N, C-alpha and C. Protein backbone atom coordinates (compact mmCIF):
# COMPACT_ATOMS: atom_id res chain seq x y z
N MET A 1 -23.82 -85.71 31.51
CA MET A 1 -24.11 -85.10 31.65
C MET A 1 -23.81 -84.24 30.24
N SER A 2 -24.67 -83.20 30.34
CA SER A 2 -25.71 -82.22 29.53
C SER A 2 -23.91 -81.19 29.36
N GLU A 3 -23.70 -80.73 28.31
CA GLU A 3 -22.60 -79.58 27.87
C GLU A 3 -22.93 -78.97 29.02
N ALA A 4 -24.08 -78.06 29.20
CA ALA A 4 -24.53 -77.08 30.18
C ALA A 4 -24.32 -77.19 31.05
N GLY A 5 -24.04 -78.56 31.68
CA GLY A 5 -24.02 -78.68 32.97
C GLY A 5 -22.16 -78.90 33.33
N LYS A 6 -22.10 -79.08 32.05
CA LYS A 6 -20.23 -79.27 32.54
C LYS A 6 -20.10 -77.95 32.43
N GLU A 7 -20.58 -76.86 31.70
CA GLU A 7 -20.49 -75.70 31.57
C GLU A 7 -20.70 -74.67 33.22
N TYR A 8 -21.53 -74.87 34.01
CA TYR A 8 -22.17 -75.30 35.24
C TYR A 8 -21.65 -75.19 35.95
N ARG A 9 -20.80 -76.29 36.02
CA ARG A 9 -19.56 -76.98 37.24
C ARG A 9 -17.98 -76.50 36.47
N LEU A 10 -17.91 -75.98 36.03
CA LEU A 10 -16.88 -75.32 35.83
C LEU A 10 -16.32 -74.48 36.20
N PHE A 11 -17.72 -73.32 36.18
CA PHE A 11 -17.31 -71.95 36.43
C PHE A 11 -17.49 -71.47 38.18
N LEU A 12 -18.50 -73.30 38.80
CA LEU A 12 -18.80 -73.12 40.08
C LEU A 12 -17.11 -73.33 41.02
N LYS A 13 -16.89 -73.80 40.18
CA LYS A 13 -15.44 -74.10 40.13
C LYS A 13 -14.64 -72.78 41.18
N GLN A 14 -14.04 -71.94 38.97
CA GLN A 14 -13.86 -70.94 39.36
C GLN A 14 -14.07 -70.20 40.09
N ARG A 15 -14.99 -69.71 40.70
CA ARG A 15 -15.79 -69.12 41.39
C ARG A 15 -15.31 -69.23 42.80
N ARG A 16 -15.38 -70.47 43.12
CA ARG A 16 -14.80 -71.06 44.16
C ARG A 16 -12.92 -70.91 44.24
N GLU A 17 -12.15 -70.76 43.46
CA GLU A 17 -11.08 -71.10 43.29
C GLU A 17 -10.80 -69.61 43.45
N GLU A 18 -11.30 -68.55 42.55
CA GLU A 18 -11.74 -66.83 43.15
C GLU A 18 -12.20 -65.96 44.72
N ARG A 19 -12.76 -67.37 45.12
CA ARG A 19 -13.29 -67.06 46.46
C ARG A 19 -11.54 -66.39 47.17
N TYR A 20 -11.64 -68.32 47.10
CA TYR A 20 -9.59 -68.59 47.76
C TYR A 20 -9.56 -67.51 47.80
N SER A 21 -8.29 -67.47 46.45
CA SER A 21 -7.59 -66.25 46.67
C SER A 21 -7.57 -64.93 47.11
N GLN A 22 -8.95 -64.77 47.08
CA GLN A 22 -9.34 -63.61 47.25
C GLN A 22 -8.80 -63.43 48.52
N PHE A 23 -9.98 -64.94 49.49
CA PHE A 23 -9.45 -64.31 50.87
C PHE A 23 -7.66 -64.12 51.43
N VAL A 24 -6.69 -65.29 50.65
CA VAL A 24 -4.82 -65.23 50.84
C VAL A 24 -4.16 -63.73 50.61
N ASN A 25 -5.56 -63.14 49.36
CA ASN A 25 -4.91 -61.92 49.25
C ASN A 25 -4.64 -60.74 49.80
N SER A 26 -6.36 -61.21 50.89
CA SER A 26 -7.38 -59.10 50.68
C SER A 26 -7.21 -59.83 51.58
N LEU A 27 -7.96 -60.67 52.22
CA LEU A 27 -8.61 -60.57 54.26
C LEU A 27 -7.84 -61.21 54.35
N LEU A 28 -6.86 -61.94 54.59
CA LEU A 28 -5.78 -62.80 55.46
C LEU A 28 -5.35 -62.06 56.22
N PRO A 29 -4.37 -61.10 55.66
CA PRO A 29 -3.39 -60.08 55.53
C PRO A 29 -3.95 -58.99 56.44
N ALA A 30 -5.72 -58.91 56.17
CA ALA A 30 -6.21 -57.79 57.23
C ALA A 30 -6.06 -58.34 58.79
N ILE A 31 -6.69 -59.00 58.04
CA ILE A 31 -7.26 -59.95 59.37
C ILE A 31 -5.56 -60.35 60.52
N LYS A 32 -4.34 -60.66 60.01
CA LYS A 32 -3.53 -61.07 60.32
C LYS A 32 -2.29 -59.22 60.81
N SER A 33 -2.56 -58.66 59.71
CA SER A 33 -2.81 -57.13 60.57
C SER A 33 -2.82 -56.54 61.73
N LEU A 34 -4.42 -57.11 62.29
CA LEU A 34 -5.29 -56.79 63.87
C LEU A 34 -4.28 -57.00 64.13
N GLY A 35 -4.11 -58.41 64.65
CA GLY A 35 -3.25 -59.36 65.20
C GLY A 35 -3.45 -60.31 65.99
N TYR A 36 -4.48 -61.20 64.86
CA TYR A 36 -5.22 -62.03 65.16
C TYR A 36 -4.43 -63.23 65.12
N GLU A 37 -4.18 -64.13 65.26
CA GLU A 37 -3.27 -65.75 64.88
C GLU A 37 -4.48 -66.35 64.69
N VAL A 38 -3.62 -66.66 62.79
CA VAL A 38 -4.83 -67.03 62.01
C VAL A 38 -4.38 -68.94 61.41
N ILE A 39 -4.59 -69.45 61.97
CA ILE A 39 -4.62 -70.80 61.40
C ILE A 39 -5.20 -71.84 59.86
N GLN A 40 -4.69 -72.14 59.03
CA GLN A 40 -4.95 -73.05 57.79
C GLN A 40 -5.26 -73.87 58.43
N ARG A 41 -6.15 -74.19 58.64
CA ARG A 41 -7.18 -75.60 59.27
C ARG A 41 -6.52 -76.60 58.53
N ASN A 42 -7.07 -76.94 56.92
CA ASN A 42 -6.74 -77.91 56.32
C ASN A 42 -6.85 -76.72 54.90
N ASP A 43 -6.86 -77.80 53.64
CA ASP A 43 -6.95 -77.04 52.58
C ASP A 43 -7.99 -75.83 52.44
N TYR A 44 -9.21 -75.93 53.01
CA TYR A 44 -10.28 -74.97 53.09
C TYR A 44 -10.28 -74.11 54.26
N GLY A 45 -10.21 -74.58 55.02
CA GLY A 45 -10.59 -73.91 56.16
C GLY A 45 -9.74 -72.69 56.90
N PHE A 46 -9.77 -72.33 57.27
CA PHE A 46 -8.35 -70.79 58.38
C PHE A 46 -9.66 -70.61 59.86
N GLU A 47 -9.21 -70.80 60.92
CA GLU A 47 -9.55 -70.51 62.48
C GLU A 47 -9.09 -69.78 63.24
N PHE A 48 -9.21 -68.25 63.42
CA PHE A 48 -8.82 -67.85 64.75
C PHE A 48 -9.88 -67.40 65.54
N ILE A 49 -9.64 -66.80 66.61
CA ILE A 49 -9.81 -66.83 67.89
C ILE A 49 -10.86 -65.01 67.29
N VAL A 50 -12.22 -64.61 67.75
CA VAL A 50 -12.17 -63.22 68.15
C VAL A 50 -12.53 -62.79 69.89
N PRO A 51 -11.88 -63.25 70.63
CA PRO A 51 -12.10 -63.33 72.00
C PRO A 51 -13.06 -62.01 72.67
N GLU A 52 -12.44 -60.67 72.39
CA GLU A 52 -12.78 -59.29 72.85
C GLU A 52 -14.73 -58.91 71.69
N LYS A 53 -14.31 -59.59 71.19
CA LYS A 53 -16.39 -59.06 70.90
C LYS A 53 -17.13 -59.91 70.95
N GLY A 54 -16.86 -61.67 72.04
CA GLY A 54 -17.51 -62.49 72.07
C GLY A 54 -17.77 -63.69 71.26
N PHE A 55 -17.23 -63.30 69.80
CA PHE A 55 -17.80 -64.58 68.83
C PHE A 55 -17.25 -66.11 69.23
N GLY A 56 -15.54 -65.41 69.81
CA GLY A 56 -15.45 -66.62 69.96
C GLY A 56 -14.23 -67.68 68.61
N TRP A 57 -14.47 -69.00 69.44
CA TRP A 57 -13.45 -69.44 67.57
C TRP A 57 -13.60 -69.21 66.94
N VAL A 58 -13.61 -69.35 65.51
CA VAL A 58 -14.59 -68.62 64.30
C VAL A 58 -13.66 -69.42 63.50
N ILE A 59 -13.99 -70.99 62.38
CA ILE A 59 -14.11 -71.58 61.49
C ILE A 59 -14.52 -70.68 60.14
N PHE A 60 -13.48 -70.36 59.04
CA PHE A 60 -13.78 -69.65 57.93
C PHE A 60 -13.83 -70.23 56.48
N TYR A 61 -14.94 -71.11 55.99
CA TYR A 61 -14.40 -71.63 54.50
C TYR A 61 -14.34 -70.94 53.11
N PRO A 62 -13.58 -70.17 52.50
CA PRO A 62 -13.55 -69.00 51.39
C PRO A 62 -14.34 -69.68 50.88
N LYS A 63 -14.07 -71.31 49.79
CA LYS A 63 -14.15 -71.26 49.23
C LYS A 63 -16.03 -71.65 49.29
N GLY A 64 -16.43 -71.57 50.24
CA GLY A 64 -17.91 -71.29 49.81
C GLY A 64 -18.50 -70.73 50.75
N ASP A 65 -17.98 -69.57 50.97
CA ASP A 65 -17.86 -68.17 51.69
C ASP A 65 -18.79 -68.63 53.24
N ARG A 66 -18.38 -69.92 53.51
CA ARG A 66 -19.48 -69.95 55.29
C ARG A 66 -18.51 -69.88 56.03
N LEU A 67 -19.41 -69.11 57.28
CA LEU A 67 -18.20 -69.16 58.89
C LEU A 67 -19.07 -69.63 59.63
N LEU A 68 -18.38 -70.39 60.85
CA LEU A 68 -18.37 -71.41 61.85
C LEU A 68 -17.95 -70.92 62.80
N LEU A 69 -19.53 -69.90 63.38
CA LEU A 69 -19.49 -69.63 65.01
C LEU A 69 -19.04 -70.73 65.77
N CYS A 70 -17.63 -71.43 66.39
CA CYS A 70 -17.90 -72.33 67.08
C CYS A 70 -18.86 -72.47 68.50
N LYS A 71 -18.32 -71.28 69.15
CA LYS A 71 -19.27 -70.92 70.62
C LYS A 71 -20.36 -70.86 70.26
N GLN A 72 -21.51 -70.41 69.30
CA GLN A 72 -22.74 -70.22 69.21
C GLN A 72 -23.38 -72.07 68.83
N ASN A 73 -22.32 -72.11 68.11
CA ASN A 73 -22.89 -73.72 67.35
C ASN A 73 -23.90 -73.08 66.15
N LYS A 74 -22.85 -72.09 65.58
CA LYS A 74 -24.44 -71.58 64.34
C LYS A 74 -23.53 -71.24 62.93
N TRP A 75 -23.21 -71.60 61.93
CA TRP A 75 -23.14 -72.25 60.73
C TRP A 75 -23.50 -71.06 59.83
N LEU A 76 -23.25 -69.79 59.36
CA LEU A 76 -23.34 -68.68 58.57
C LEU A 76 -22.76 -68.97 56.89
N TYR A 77 -23.63 -68.20 55.92
CA TYR A 77 -23.58 -67.75 54.88
C TYR A 77 -23.10 -66.81 54.74
N GLY A 78 -22.65 -65.85 53.82
CA GLY A 78 -21.58 -64.58 53.33
C GLY A 78 -20.81 -64.43 54.17
N GLY A 79 -19.81 -65.51 54.92
CA GLY A 79 -19.28 -65.07 55.51
C GLY A 79 -17.42 -64.11 55.17
N PHE A 80 -17.74 -63.56 53.65
CA PHE A 80 -17.06 -62.93 53.54
C PHE A 80 -17.25 -60.85 54.17
N SER A 81 -18.45 -60.45 54.21
CA SER A 81 -19.50 -59.64 54.53
C SER A 81 -19.21 -59.71 56.26
N TRP A 82 -19.79 -60.80 56.96
CA TRP A 82 -20.03 -61.32 58.43
C TRP A 82 -17.63 -60.76 59.12
N ILE A 83 -17.39 -60.84 58.02
CA ILE A 83 -15.57 -60.94 58.93
C ILE A 83 -15.75 -59.26 58.75
N ARG A 84 -15.94 -58.58 57.89
CA ARG A 84 -15.57 -57.16 57.19
C ARG A 84 -16.43 -56.21 58.06
N LYS A 85 -17.41 -56.63 58.67
CA LYS A 85 -18.36 -55.99 59.49
C LYS A 85 -18.23 -56.87 61.23
N HIS A 86 -17.28 -57.32 61.08
CA HIS A 86 -17.38 -57.53 62.37
C HIS A 86 -15.89 -57.60 63.36
N ILE A 87 -15.05 -57.91 62.02
CA ILE A 87 -13.33 -58.08 62.25
C ILE A 87 -12.84 -56.73 61.24
N LEU A 88 -13.76 -56.15 60.73
CA LEU A 88 -12.63 -55.20 59.83
C LEU A 88 -13.01 -54.04 59.96
N LYS A 89 -13.92 -53.97 60.21
CA LYS A 89 -15.01 -52.07 60.43
C LYS A 89 -14.49 -50.87 60.74
N ASP A 90 -13.86 -51.25 62.39
CA ASP A 90 -13.07 -50.40 62.92
C ASP A 90 -11.43 -49.96 61.54
N ASN A 91 -11.01 -51.03 60.92
CA ASN A 91 -10.07 -50.20 60.09
C ASN A 91 -10.25 -50.29 58.33
N GLY A 92 -11.23 -49.32 59.43
CA GLY A 92 -11.53 -48.61 57.52
C GLY A 92 -10.35 -48.65 56.27
N SER A 93 -9.51 -48.30 55.86
CA SER A 93 -8.74 -48.22 55.46
C SER A 93 -8.78 -49.81 54.88
N MET A 94 -8.62 -50.59 55.02
CA MET A 94 -8.03 -52.21 54.42
C MET A 94 -9.53 -52.51 55.14
N GLN A 95 -11.08 -52.47 55.10
CA GLN A 95 -11.51 -52.53 54.93
C GLN A 95 -12.29 -52.41 53.65
N ASN A 96 -11.89 -50.95 52.98
CA ASN A 96 -12.57 -50.58 51.46
C ASN A 96 -11.40 -52.02 50.83
N ARG A 97 -10.30 -52.09 50.84
CA ARG A 97 -9.36 -52.64 49.82
C ARG A 97 -10.08 -54.01 49.47
N CYS A 98 -11.19 -54.86 50.78
CA CYS A 98 -11.10 -55.61 51.06
C CYS A 98 -13.13 -56.09 50.42
N THR A 99 -12.49 -55.70 48.59
CA THR A 99 -14.74 -55.52 48.72
C THR A 99 -14.65 -57.18 47.56
N ASP A 100 -15.69 -57.78 48.25
CA ASP A 100 -16.14 -59.33 47.57
C ASP A 100 -17.02 -59.20 46.58
N TYR A 101 -17.42 -59.22 45.31
CA TYR A 101 -17.97 -59.76 44.17
C TYR A 101 -18.54 -61.06 44.94
N TYR A 102 -18.41 -61.57 45.40
CA TYR A 102 -19.19 -62.81 45.36
C TYR A 102 -20.24 -62.72 46.48
N SER A 103 -20.59 -62.29 47.45
CA SER A 103 -21.35 -63.23 48.03
C SER A 103 -22.11 -62.49 47.59
N ALA A 104 -23.17 -63.20 48.42
CA ALA A 104 -24.81 -61.83 48.50
C ALA A 104 -25.05 -61.20 49.21
N PRO A 105 -25.72 -60.12 48.73
CA PRO A 105 -26.12 -58.56 49.64
C PRO A 105 -26.47 -59.23 50.94
């Protein structure tokens, strides 16, 4: 593999780790503060249920910024933005602290 390819792979790995730590340090406490029970599915995914908004069981993978809406059987990219828009939007002060520099607009 070329040197540029190795550097790119290391860059992607670093971004994934940054997204994971961002979720654990900012979004996870915000979600828990709203009363949602969050379960760590494995080393990568987190589960929570959003019944009052009709989304049901949600699995979020912060390293890949992907979200699975189990009730609709639908994968979404841009999970950080989706969580801020659909779960944290009523909690304005926490939403402002949960900035996401890694998701595409």
